[in-house]
Amino acid sequence: MAHSLSAKKRVRQNVKSRARNRARKVLIKDQTKAFLAALEAGDVEKAKVELNKTVSRLDKVAAKNTIHPNAASRRRSRLTRRLNALAASKTAAPATA
């Protein structure tokens, strides 16, 4: 248990920031799930819109130091690659059929 005033204040601050960070991470996960759902449905246009929302959310959360900027960049890259793979398969499929 914290004894000094500054240690007690630090405990209070940690509780608030932990709650804030968890809420931000939940928003990222929810937005990513929405993108992945559009991707699974094969809807390229909806997936593009969801990817833009996801990238925006990742950048905002990284700017607030909830997640590391490189982690946000890595996730952005991986999600974009998945969208590009879907778009490429959609354009290649009619040509071979």
PDB file of N, CA and C in Angstrom:
ATOM      1  N   MET A   1       0.844  -1.181   0.000  1.00  0.00           N
ATOM      2  CA  MET A   1       0.000   0.000   0.000  1.00  0.00           C
ATOM      3  C   MET A   1       0.883   1.236   0.000  1.00  0.00           C
ATOM      4  N   ALA A   2       0.494   2.221  -0.813  1.00  0.00           N
ATOM      5  CA  ALA A   2       1.258   3.459  -0.903  1.00  0.00           C
ATOM      6  C   ALA A   2       1.079   4.279   0.371  1.00  0.00           C
ATOM      7  N   HIS A   3       2.168   4.905   0.817  1.00  0.00           N
ATOM      8  CA  HIS A   3       2.111   5.684   2.047  1.00  0.00           C
ATOM      9  C   HIS A   3       2.232   7.177   1.791  1.00  0.00           C
ATOM     10  N   SER A   4       3.117   7.568   0.899  1.00  0.00           N
ATOM     11  CA  SER A   4       3.303   8.995   0.666  1.00  0.00           C
ATOM     12  C   SER A   4       2.182   9.537  -0.215  1.00  0.00           C
ATOM     13  N   LEU A   5       1.988  10.847  -0.131  1.00  0.00           N
ATOM     14  CA  LEU A   5       0.934  11.476  -0.919  1.00  0.00           C
ATOM     15  C   LEU A   5       1.182  11.306  -2.413  1.00  0.00           C
ATOM     16  N   SER A   6       2.427  11.442  -2.807  1.00  0.00           N
ATOM     17  CA  SER A   6       2.733  11.339  -4.237  1.00  0.00           C
ATOM     18  C   SER A   6       2.514   9.910  -4.738  1.00  0.00           C
ATOM     19  N   ALA A   7       2.809   8.920  -3.891  1.00  0.00           N
ATOM     20  CA  ALA A   7       2.583   7.532  -4.288  1.00  0.00           C
ATOM     21  C   ALA A   7       1.087   7.240  -4.391  1.00  0.00           C
ATOM     22  N   LYS A   8       0.301   7.820  -3.474  1.00  0.00           N
ATOM     23  CA  LYS A   8      -1.141   7.630  -3.532  1.00  0.00           C
ATOM     24  C   LYS A   8      -1.725   8.270  -4.783  1.00  0.00           C
ATOM     25  N   LYS A   9      -1.209   9.452  -5.108  1.00  0.00           N
ATOM     26  CA  LYS A   9      -1.670  10.136  -6.319  1.00  0.00           C
ATOM     27  C   LYS A   9      -1.305   9.322  -7.550  1.00  0.00           C
ATOM     28  N   ARG A  10      -0.108   8.771  -7.558  1.00  0.00           N
ATOM     29  CA  ARG A  10       0.335   7.967  -8.701  1.00  0.00           C
ATOM     30  C   ARG A  10      -0.566   6.741  -8.885  1.00  0.00           C
ATOM     31  N   VAL A  11      -1.003   6.142  -7.787  1.00  0.00           N
ATOM     32  CA  VAL A  11      -1.916   4.999  -7.866  1.00  0.00           C
ATOM     33  C   VAL A  11      -3.235   5.431  -8.504  1.00  0.00           C
ATOM     34  N   ARG A  12      -3.753   6.592  -8.081  1.00  0.00           N
ATOM     35  CA  ARG A  12      -4.997   7.097  -8.669  1.00  0.00           C
ATOM     36  C   ARG A  12      -4.828   7.360 -10.161  1.00  0.00           C
ATOM     37  N   GLN A  13      -3.711   7.946 -10.543  1.00  0.00           N
ATOM     38  CA  GLN A  13      -3.456   8.240 -11.951  1.00  0.00           C
ATOM     39  C   GLN A  13      -3.344   6.962 -12.772  1.00  0.00           C
ATOM     40  N   ASN A  14      -2.695   5.954 -12.200  1.00  0.00           N
ATOM     41  CA  ASN A  14      -2.542   4.685 -12.910  1.00  0.00           C
ATOM     42  C   ASN A  14      -3.881   4.014 -13.165  1.00  0.00           C
ATOM     43  N   VAL A  15      -4.781   4.099 -12.203  1.00  0.00           N
ATOM     44  CA  VAL A  15      -6.109   3.504 -12.368  1.00  0.00           C
ATOM     45  C   VAL A  15      -6.832   4.179 -13.522  1.00  0.00           C
ATOM     46  N   LYS A  16      -6.773   5.499 -13.569  1.00  0.00           N
ATOM     47  CA  LYS A  16      -7.450   6.237 -14.640  1.00  0.00           C
ATOM     48  C   LYS A  16      -6.838   5.933 -15.997  1.00  0.00           C
ATOM     49  N   SER A  17      -5.512   5.955 -16.067  1.00  0.00           N
ATOM     50  CA  SER A  17      -4.872   5.743 -17.373  1.00  0.00           C
ATOM     51  C   SER A  17      -5.062   4.306 -17.849  1.00  0.00           C
ATOM     52  N   ARG A  18      -5.076   3.345 -16.921  1.00  0.00           N
ATOM     53  CA  ARG A  18      -5.313   1.951 -17.295  1.00  0.00           C
ATOM     54  C   ARG A  18      -6.703   1.796 -17.896  1.00  0.00           C
ATOM     55  N   ALA A  19      -7.684   2.434 -17.272  1.00  0.00           N
ATOM     56  CA  ALA A  19      -9.051   2.367 -17.789  1.00  0.00           C
ATOM     57  C   ALA A  19      -9.133   3.021 -19.171  1.00  0.00           C
ATOM     58  N   ARG A  20      -8.464   4.149 -19.333  1.00  0.00           N
ATOM     59  CA  ARG A  20      -8.470   4.855 -20.617  1.00  0.00           C
ATOM     60  C   ARG A  20      -7.805   4.013 -21.698  1.00  0.00           C
ATOM     61  N   ASN A  21      -6.664   3.425 -21.364  1.00  0.00           N
ATOM     62  CA  ASN A  21      -5.938   2.605 -22.337  1.00  0.00           C
ATOM     63  C   ASN A  21      -6.735   1.366 -22.730  1.00  0.00           C
ATOM     64  N   ARG A  22      -7.372   0.732 -21.761  1.00  0.00           N
ATOM     65  CA  ARG A  22      -8.170  -0.459 -22.071  1.00  0.00           C
ATOM     66  C   ARG A  22      -9.333  -0.103 -22.978  1.00  0.00           C
ATOM     67  N   ALA A  23      -9.963   1.033 -22.727  1.00  0.00           N
ATOM     68  CA  ALA A  23     -11.085   1.465 -23.570  1.00  0.00           C
ATOM     69  C   ALA A  23     -10.613   1.710 -24.993  1.00  0.00           C
ATOM     70  N   ARG A  24      -9.449   2.338 -25.131  1.00  0.00           N
ATOM     71  CA  ARG A  24      -8.918   2.606 -26.473  1.00  0.00           C
ATOM     72  C   ARG A  24      -8.584   1.303 -27.200  1.00  0.00           C
ATOM     73  N   LYS A  25      -8.028   0.351 -26.486  1.00  0.00           N
ATOM     74  CA  LYS A  25      -7.682  -0.926 -27.113  1.00  0.00           C
ATOM     75  C   LYS A  25      -8.933  -1.682 -27.542  1.00  0.00           C
ATOM     76  N   VAL A  26      -9.996  -1.586 -26.756  1.00  0.00           N
ATOM     77  CA  VAL A  26     -11.256  -2.227 -27.118  1.00  0.00           C
ATOM     78  C   VAL A  26     -11.792  -1.609 -28.411  1.00  0.00           C
ATOM     79  N   LEU A  27     -11.684  -0.284 -28.534  1.00  0.00           N
ATOM     80  CA  LEU A  27     -12.143   0.380 -29.755  1.00  0.00           C
ATOM     81  C   LEU A  27     -11.362  -0.110 -30.973  1.00  0.00           C
ATOM     82  N   ILE A  28     -10.054  -0.296 -30.803  1.00  0.00           N
ATOM     83  CA  ILE A  28      -9.228  -0.804 -31.905  1.00  0.00           C
ATOM     84  C   ILE A  28      -9.690  -2.209 -32.284  1.00  0.00           C
ATOM     85  N   LYS A  29      -9.904  -3.064 -31.282  1.00  0.00           N
ATOM     86  CA  LYS A  29     -10.310  -4.437 -31.557  1.00  0.00           C
ATOM     87  C   LYS A  29     -11.662  -4.487 -32.252  1.00  0.00           C
ATOM     88  N   ASP A  30     -12.606  -3.665 -31.784  1.00  0.00           N
ATOM     89  CA  ASP A  30     -13.935  -3.643 -32.397  1.00  0.00           C
ATOM     90  C   ASP A  30     -13.864  -3.182 -33.845  1.00  0.00           C
ATOM     91  N   GLN A  31     -13.079  -2.131 -34.104  1.00  0.00           N
ATOM     92  CA  GLN A  31     -12.955  -1.611 -35.456  1.00  0.00           C
ATOM     93  C   GLN A  31     -12.267  -2.626 -36.363  1.00  0.00           C
ATOM     94  N   THR A  32     -11.261  -3.317 -35.824  1.00  0.00           N
ATOM     95  CA  THR A  32     -10.564  -4.334 -36.611  1.00  0.00           C
ATOM     96  C   THR A  32     -11.506  -5.485 -36.945  1.00  0.00           C
ATOM     97  N   LYS A  33     -12.350  -5.875 -35.994  1.00  0.00           N
ATOM     98  CA  LYS A  33     -13.325  -6.947 -36.247  1.00  0.00           C
ATOM     99  C   LYS A  33     -14.306  -6.539 -37.338  1.00  0.00           C
ATOM    100  N   ALA A  34     -14.701  -5.270 -37.355  1.00  0.00           N
ATOM    101  CA  ALA A  34     -15.614  -4.790 -38.397  1.00  0.00           C
ATOM    102  C   ALA A  34     -14.937  -4.882 -39.763  1.00  0.00           C
ATOM    103  N   PHE A  35     -13.656  -4.529 -39.818  1.00  0.00           N
ATOM    104  CA  PHE A  35     -12.903  -4.627 -41.069  1.00  0.00           C
ATOM    105  C   PHE A  35     -12.791  -6.085 -41.511  1.00  0.00           C
ATOM    106  N   LEU A  36     -12.444  -6.967 -40.575  1.00  0.00           N
ATOM    107  CA  LEU A  36     -12.278  -8.374 -40.919  1.00  0.00           C
ATOM    108  C   LEU A  36     -13.601  -9.009 -41.346  1.00  0.00           C
ATOM    109  N   ALA A  37     -14.699  -8.549 -40.769  1.00  0.00           N
ATOM    110  CA  ALA A  37     -16.012  -9.066 -41.172  1.00  0.00           C
ATOM    111  C   ALA A  37     -16.310  -8.677 -42.615  1.00  0.00           C
ATOM    112  N   ALA A  38     -15.994  -7.435 -42.972  1.00  0.00           N
ATOM    113  CA  ALA A  38     -16.200  -6.990 -44.358  1.00  0.00           C
ATOM    114  C   ALA A  38     -15.282  -7.761 -45.294  1.00  0.00           C
ATOM    115  N   LEU A  39     -14.088  -8.060 -44.827  1.00  0.00           N
ATOM    116  CA  LEU A  39     -13.126  -8.813 -45.626  1.00  0.00           C
ATOM    117  C   LEU A  39     -13.625 -10.238 -45.856  1.00  0.00           C
ATOM    118  N   GLU A  40     -14.138 -10.868 -44.809  1.00  0.00           N
ATOM    119  CA  GLU A  40     -14.654 -12.234 -44.918  1.00  0.00           C
ATOM    120  C   GLU A  40     -15.872 -12.299 -45.843  1.00  0.00           C
ATOM    121  N   ALA A  41     -16.673 -11.223 -45.832  1.00  0.00           N
ATOM    122  CA  ALA A  41     -17.844 -11.179 -46.688  1.00  0.00           C
ATOM    123  C   ALA A  41     -17.462 -10.983 -48.145  1.00  0.00           C
ATOM    124  N   GLY A  42     -16.219 -10.569 -48.374  1.00  0.00           N
ATOM    125  CA  GLY A  42     -15.745 -10.366 -49.742  1.00  0.00           C
ATOM    126  C   GLY A  42     -16.152  -9.029 -50.320  1.00  0.00           C
ATOM    127  N   ASP A  43     -16.619  -8.113 -49.477  1.00  0.00           N
ATOM    128  CA  ASP A  43     -17.042  -6.791 -49.933  1.00  0.00           C
ATOM    129  C   ASP A  43     -15.846  -5.844 -49.906  1.00  0.00           C
ATOM    130  N   VAL A  44     -15.238  -5.625 -51.071  1.00  0.00           N
ATOM    131  CA  VAL A  44     -14.005  -4.835 -51.145  1.00  0.00           C
ATOM    132  C   VAL A  44     -14.267  -3.375 -50.784  1.00  0.00           C
ATOM    133  N   GLU A  45     -15.354  -2.801 -51.282  1.00  0.00           N
ATOM    134  CA  GLU A  45     -15.632  -1.385 -51.020  1.00  0.00           C
ATOM    135  C   GLU A  45     -15.885  -1.129 -49.536  1.00  0.00           C
ATOM    136  N   LYS A  46     -16.678  -1.983 -48.919  1.00  0.00           N
ATOM    137  CA  LYS A  46     -16.947  -1.823 -47.483  1.00  0.00           C
ATOM    138  C   LYS A  46     -15.665  -2.054 -46.680  1.00  0.00           C
ATOM    139  N   ALA A  47     -14.843  -2.994 -47.129  1.00  0.00           N
ATOM    140  CA  ALA A  47     -13.580  -3.264 -46.442  1.00  0.00           C
ATOM    141  C   ALA A  47     -12.651  -2.061 -46.530  1.00  0.00           C
ATOM    142  N   LYS A  48     -12.659  -1.368 -47.677  1.00  0.00           N
ATOM    143  CA  LYS A  48     -11.816  -0.168 -47.814  1.00  0.00           C
ATOM    144  C   LYS A  48     -12.246   0.911 -46.827  1.00  0.00           C
ATOM    145  N   VAL A  49     -13.546   1.100 -46.694  1.00  0.00           N
ATOM    146  CA  VAL A  49     -14.061   2.098 -45.752  1.00  0.00           C
ATOM    147  C   VAL A  49     -13.681   1.712 -44.332  1.00  0.00           C
ATOM    148  N   GLU A  50     -13.866   0.443 -43.997  1.00  0.00           N
ATOM    149  CA  GLU A  50     -13.536  -0.018 -42.645  1.00  0.00           C
ATOM    150  C   GLU A  50     -12.035   0.063 -42.381  1.00  0.00           C
ATOM    151  N   LEU A  51     -11.230  -0.197 -43.407  1.00  0.00           N
ATOM    152  CA  LEU A  51      -9.773  -0.093 -43.234  1.00  0.00           C
ATOM    153  C   LEU A  51      -9.387   1.347 -42.930  1.00  0.00           C
ATOM    154  N   ASN A  52      -9.985   2.302 -43.622  1.00  0.00           N
ATOM    155  CA  ASN A  52      -9.685   3.712 -43.350  1.00  0.00           C
ATOM    156  C   ASN A  52     -10.034   4.074 -41.913  1.00  0.00           C
ATOM    157  N   LYS A  53     -11.168   3.586 -41.434  1.00  0.00           N
ATOM    158  CA  LYS A  53     -11.563   3.849 -40.044  1.00  0.00           C
ATOM    159  C   LYS A  53     -10.581   3.199 -39.075  1.00  0.00           C
ATOM    160  N   THR A  54     -10.174   1.979 -39.392  1.00  0.00           N
ATOM    161  CA  THR A  54      -9.255   1.249 -38.520  1.00  0.00           C
ATOM    162  C   THR A  54      -7.898   1.937 -38.458  1.00  0.00           C
ATOM    163  N   VAL A  55      -7.397   2.359 -39.617  1.00  0.00           N
ATOM    164  CA  VAL A  55      -6.096   3.036 -39.675  1.00  0.00           C
ATOM    165  C   VAL A  55      -6.155   4.342 -38.882  1.00  0.00           C
ATOM    166  N   SER A  56      -7.242   5.065 -39.032  1.00  0.00           N
ATOM    167  CA  SER A  56      -7.405   6.315 -38.295  1.00  0.00           C
ATOM    168  C   SER A  56      -7.392   6.062 -36.797  1.00  0.00           C
ATOM    169  N   ARG A  57      -8.119   5.033 -36.380  1.00  0.00           N
ATOM    170  CA  ARG A  57      -8.184   4.705 -34.957  1.00  0.00           C
ATOM    171  C   ARG A  57      -6.803   4.287 -34.435  1.00  0.00           C
ATOM    172  N   LEU A  58      -6.092   3.480 -35.213  1.00  0.00           N
ATOM    173  CA  LEU A  58      -4.755   3.039 -34.806  1.00  0.00           C
ATOM    174  C   LEU A  58      -3.816   4.231 -34.643  1.00  0.00           C
ATOM    175  N   ASP A  59      -3.866   5.151 -35.601  1.00  0.00           N
ATOM    176  CA  ASP A  59      -2.979   6.311 -35.538  1.00  0.00           C
ATOM    177  C   ASP A  59      -3.284   7.191 -34.332  1.00  0.00           C
ATOM    178  N   LYS A  60      -4.558   7.369 -34.045  1.00  0.00           N
ATOM    179  CA  LYS A  60      -4.935   8.192 -32.888  1.00  0.00           C
ATOM    180  C   LYS A  60      -4.467   7.560 -31.593  1.00  0.00           C
ATOM    181  N   VAL A  61      -4.646   6.246 -31.484  1.00  0.00           N
ATOM    182  CA  VAL A  61      -4.259   5.556 -30.253  1.00  0.00           C
ATOM    183  C   VAL A  61      -2.732   5.543 -30.103  1.00  0.00           C
ATOM    184  N   ALA A  62      -2.033   5.407 -31.220  1.00  0.00           N
ATOM    185  CA  ALA A  62      -0.569   5.433 -31.165  1.00  0.00           C
ATOM    186  C   ALA A  62      -0.074   6.827 -30.788  1.00  0.00           C
ATOM    187  N   ALA A  63      -0.769   7.864 -31.253  1.00  0.00           N
ATOM    188  CA  ALA A  63      -0.369   9.232 -30.922  1.00  0.00           C
ATOM    189  C   ALA A  63      -0.509   9.509 -29.430  1.00  0.00           C
ATOM    190  N   LYS A  64      -1.434   8.808 -28.776  1.00  0.00           N
ATOM    191  CA  LYS A  64      -1.650   8.985 -27.338  1.00  0.00           C
ATOM    192  C   LYS A  64      -0.778   8.037 -26.518  1.00  0.00           C
ATOM    193  N   ASN A  65       0.100   7.288 -27.177  1.00  0.00           N
ATOM    194  CA  ASN A  65       1.030   6.373 -26.516  1.00  0.00           C
ATOM    195  C   ASN A  65       0.340   5.221 -25.800  1.00  0.00           C
ATOM    196  N   THR A  66      -0.853   4.853 -26.248  1.00  0.00           N
ATOM    197  CA  THR A  66      -1.498   3.661 -25.691  1.00  0.00           C
ATOM    198  C   THR A  66      -0.843   2.423 -26.270  1.00  0.00           C
ATOM    199  N   ILE A  67      -0.567   2.455 -27.576  1.00  0.00           N
ATOM    200  CA  ILE A  67       0.226   1.398 -28.201  1.00  0.00           C
ATOM    201  C   ILE A  67       1.426   2.066 -28.867  1.00  0.00           C
ATOM    202  N   HIS A  68       2.449   1.295 -29.104  1.00  0.00           N
ATOM    203  CA  HIS A  68       3.660   1.832 -29.717  1.00  0.00           C
ATOM    204  C   HIS A  68       3.375   2.193 -31.174  1.00  0.00           C
ATOM    205  N   PRO A  69       3.933   3.296 -31.658  1.00  0.00           N
ATOM    206  CA  PRO A  69       3.702   3.684 -33.055  1.00  0.00           C
ATOM    207  C   PRO A  69       4.105   2.603 -34.061  1.00  0.00           C
ATOM    208  N   ASN A  70       5.150   1.866 -33.767  1.00  0.00           N
ATOM    209  CA  ASN A  70       5.562   0.797 -34.681  1.00  0.00           C
ATOM    210  C   ASN A  70       4.559  -0.349 -34.683  1.00  0.00           C
ATOM    211  N   ALA A  71       3.925  -0.600 -33.549  1.00  0.00           N
ATOM    212  CA  ALA A  71       2.894  -1.639 -33.485  1.00  0.00           C
ATOM    213  C   ALA A  71       1.695  -1.225 -34.326  1.00  0.00           C
ATOM    214  N   ALA A  72       1.336   0.059 -34.268  1.00  0.00           N
ATOM    215  CA  ALA A  72       0.235   0.562 -35.092  1.00  0.00           C
ATOM    216  C   ALA A  72       0.593   0.440 -36.569  1.00  0.00           C
ATOM    217  N   SER A  73       1.829   0.767 -36.901  1.00  0.00           N
ATOM    218  CA  SER A  73       2.278   0.682 -38.289  1.00  0.00           C
ATOM    219  C   SER A  73       2.261  -0.757 -38.780  1.00  0.00           C
ATOM    220  N   ARG A  74       2.683  -1.670 -37.945  1.00  0.00           N
ATOM    221  CA  ARG A  74       2.704  -3.084 -38.317  1.00  0.00           C
ATOM    222  C   ARG A  74       1.288  -3.598 -38.562  1.00  0.00           C
ATOM    223  N   ARG A  75       0.369  -3.254 -37.677  1.00  0.00           N
ATOM    224  CA  ARG A  75      -1.015  -3.690 -37.850  1.00  0.00           C
ATOM    225  C   ARG A  75      -1.612  -3.090 -39.114  1.00  0.00           C
ATOM    226  N   ARG A  76      -1.339  -1.815 -39.347  1.00  0.00           N
ATOM    227  CA  ARG A  76      -1.842  -1.138 -40.540  1.00  0.00           C
ATOM    228  C   ARG A  76      -1.344  -1.838 -41.796  1.00  0.00           C
ATOM    229  N   SER A  77      -0.081  -2.192 -41.795  1.00  0.00           N
ATOM    230  CA  SER A  77       0.522  -2.855 -42.946  1.00  0.00           C
ATOM    231  C   SER A  77      -0.111  -4.218 -43.183  1.00  0.00           C
ATOM    232  N   ARG A  78      -0.289  -4.986 -42.140  1.00  0.00           N
ATOM    233  CA  ARG A  78      -0.842  -6.332 -42.285  1.00  0.00           C
ATOM    234  C   ARG A  78      -2.296  -6.299 -42.760  1.00  0.00           C
ATOM    235  N   LEU A  79      -3.073  -5.358 -42.221  1.00  0.00           N
ATOM    236  CA  LEU A  79      -4.465  -5.256 -42.639  1.00  0.00           C
ATOM    237  C   LEU A  79      -4.564  -4.796 -44.091  1.00  0.00           C
ATOM    238  N   THR A  80      -3.697  -3.870 -44.481  1.00  0.00           N
ATOM    239  CA  THR A  80      -3.694  -3.380 -45.858  1.00  0.00           C
ATOM    240  C   THR A  80      -3.314  -4.489 -46.827  1.00  0.00           C
ATOM    241  N   ARG A  81      -2.350  -5.316 -46.429  1.00  0.00           N
ATOM    242  CA  ARG A  81      -1.961  -6.442 -47.288  1.00  0.00           C
ATOM    243  C   ARG A  81      -3.123  -7.397 -47.494  1.00  0.00           C
ATOM    244  N   ARG A  82      -3.902  -7.628 -46.448  1.00  0.00           N
ATOM    245  CA  ARG A  82      -5.052  -8.535 -46.573  1.00  0.00           C
ATOM    246  C   ARG A  82      -6.100  -7.954 -47.516  1.00  0.00           C
ATOM    247  N   LEU A  83      -6.316  -6.642 -47.422  1.00  0.00           N
ATOM    248  CA  LEU A  83      -7.274  -6.002 -48.326  1.00  0.00           C
ATOM    249  C   LEU A  83      -6.771  -6.068 -49.765  1.00  0.00           C
ATOM    250  N   ASN A  84      -5.486  -5.804 -49.967  1.00  0.00           N
ATOM    251  CA  ASN A  84      -4.923  -5.843 -51.311  1.00  0.00           C
ATOM    252  C   ASN A  84      -4.998  -7.251 -51.898  1.00  0.00           C
ATOM    253  N   ALA A  85      -4.798  -8.266 -51.068  1.00  0.00           N
ATOM    254  CA  ALA A  85      -4.892  -9.646 -51.549  1.00  0.00           C
ATOM    255  C   ALA A  85      -6.320  -9.962 -51.985  1.00  0.00           C
ATOM    256  N   LEU A  86      -7.302  -9.481 -51.213  1.00  0.00           N
ATOM    257  CA  LEU A  86      -8.701  -9.709 -51.584  1.00  0.00           C
ATOM    258  C   LEU A  86      -9.032  -8.986 -52.883  1.00  0.00           C
ATOM    259  N   ALA A  87      -8.578  -7.746 -52.998  1.00  0.00           N
ATOM    260  CA  ALA A  87      -8.858  -6.957 -54.215  1.00  0.00           C
ATOM    261  C   ALA A  87      -8.204  -7.598 -55.430  1.00  0.00           C
ATOM    262  N   ALA A  88      -6.989  -8.130 -55.249  1.00  0.00           N
ATOM    263  CA  ALA A  88      -6.293  -8.776 -56.356  1.00  0.00           C
ATOM    264  C   ALA A  88      -7.000 -10.059 -56.773  1.00  0.00           C
ATOM    265  N   SER A  89      -7.501 -10.797 -55.789  1.00  0.00           N
ATOM    266  CA  SER A  89      -8.204 -12.034 -56.127  1.00  0.00           C
ATOM    267  C   SER A  89      -9.540 -11.739 -56.809  1.00  0.00           C
ATOM    268  N   LYS A  90     -10.180 -10.629 -56.438  1.00  0.00           N
ATOM    269  CA  LYS A  90     -11.447 -10.257 -57.052  1.00  0.00           C
ATOM    270  C   LYS A  90     -11.244  -9.848 -58.511  1.00  0.00           C
ATOM    271  N   THR A  91     -10.143  -9.130 -58.798  1.00  0.00           N
ATOM    272  CA  THR A  91      -9.902  -8.704 -60.179  1.00  0.00           C
ATOM    273  C   THR A  91      -9.368  -9.836 -61.037  1.00  0.00           C
ATOM    274  N   ALA A  92      -8.640 -10.758 -60.417  1.00  0.00           N
ATOM    275  CA  ALA A  92      -8.059 -11.886 -61.189  1.00  0.00           C
ATOM    276  C   ALA A  92      -9.092 -12.963 -61.456  1.00  0.00           C
ATOM    277  N   ALA A  93     -10.074 -13.114 -60.583  1.00  0.00           N
ATOM    278  CA  ALA A  93     -11.054 -14.198 -60.723  1.00  0.00           C
ATOM    279  C   ALA A  93     -11.874 -14.093 -62.019  1.00  0.00           C
ATOM    280  N   PRO A  94     -12.407 -12.925 -62.384  1.00  0.00           N
ATOM    281  CA  PRO A  94     -13.207 -12.871 -63.615  1.00  0.00           C
ATOM    282  C   PRO A  94     -12.374 -13.128 -64.879  1.00  0.00           C
ATOM    283  N   ALA A  95     -11.109 -12.792 -64.858  1.00  0.00           N
ATOM    284  CA  ALA A  95     -10.267 -12.988 -66.046  1.00  0.00           C
ATOM    285  C   ALA A  95     -10.008 -14.467 -66.297  1.00  0.00           C
ATOM    286  N   THR A  96      -9.887 -15.269 -65.241  1.00  0.00           N
ATOM    287  CA  THR A  96      -9.602 -16.706 -65.416  1.00  0.00           C
ATOM    288  C   THR A  96     -10.877 -17.504 -65.627  1.00  0.00           C
ATOM    289  N   ALA A  97     -12.021 -16.955 -65.230  1.00  0.00           N
ATOM    290  CA  ALA A  97     -13.272 -17.715 -65.352  1.00  0.00           C
ATOM    291  C   ALA A  97     -13.862 -17.655 -66.742  1.00  0.00           C
TER     292      ALA A  97
END
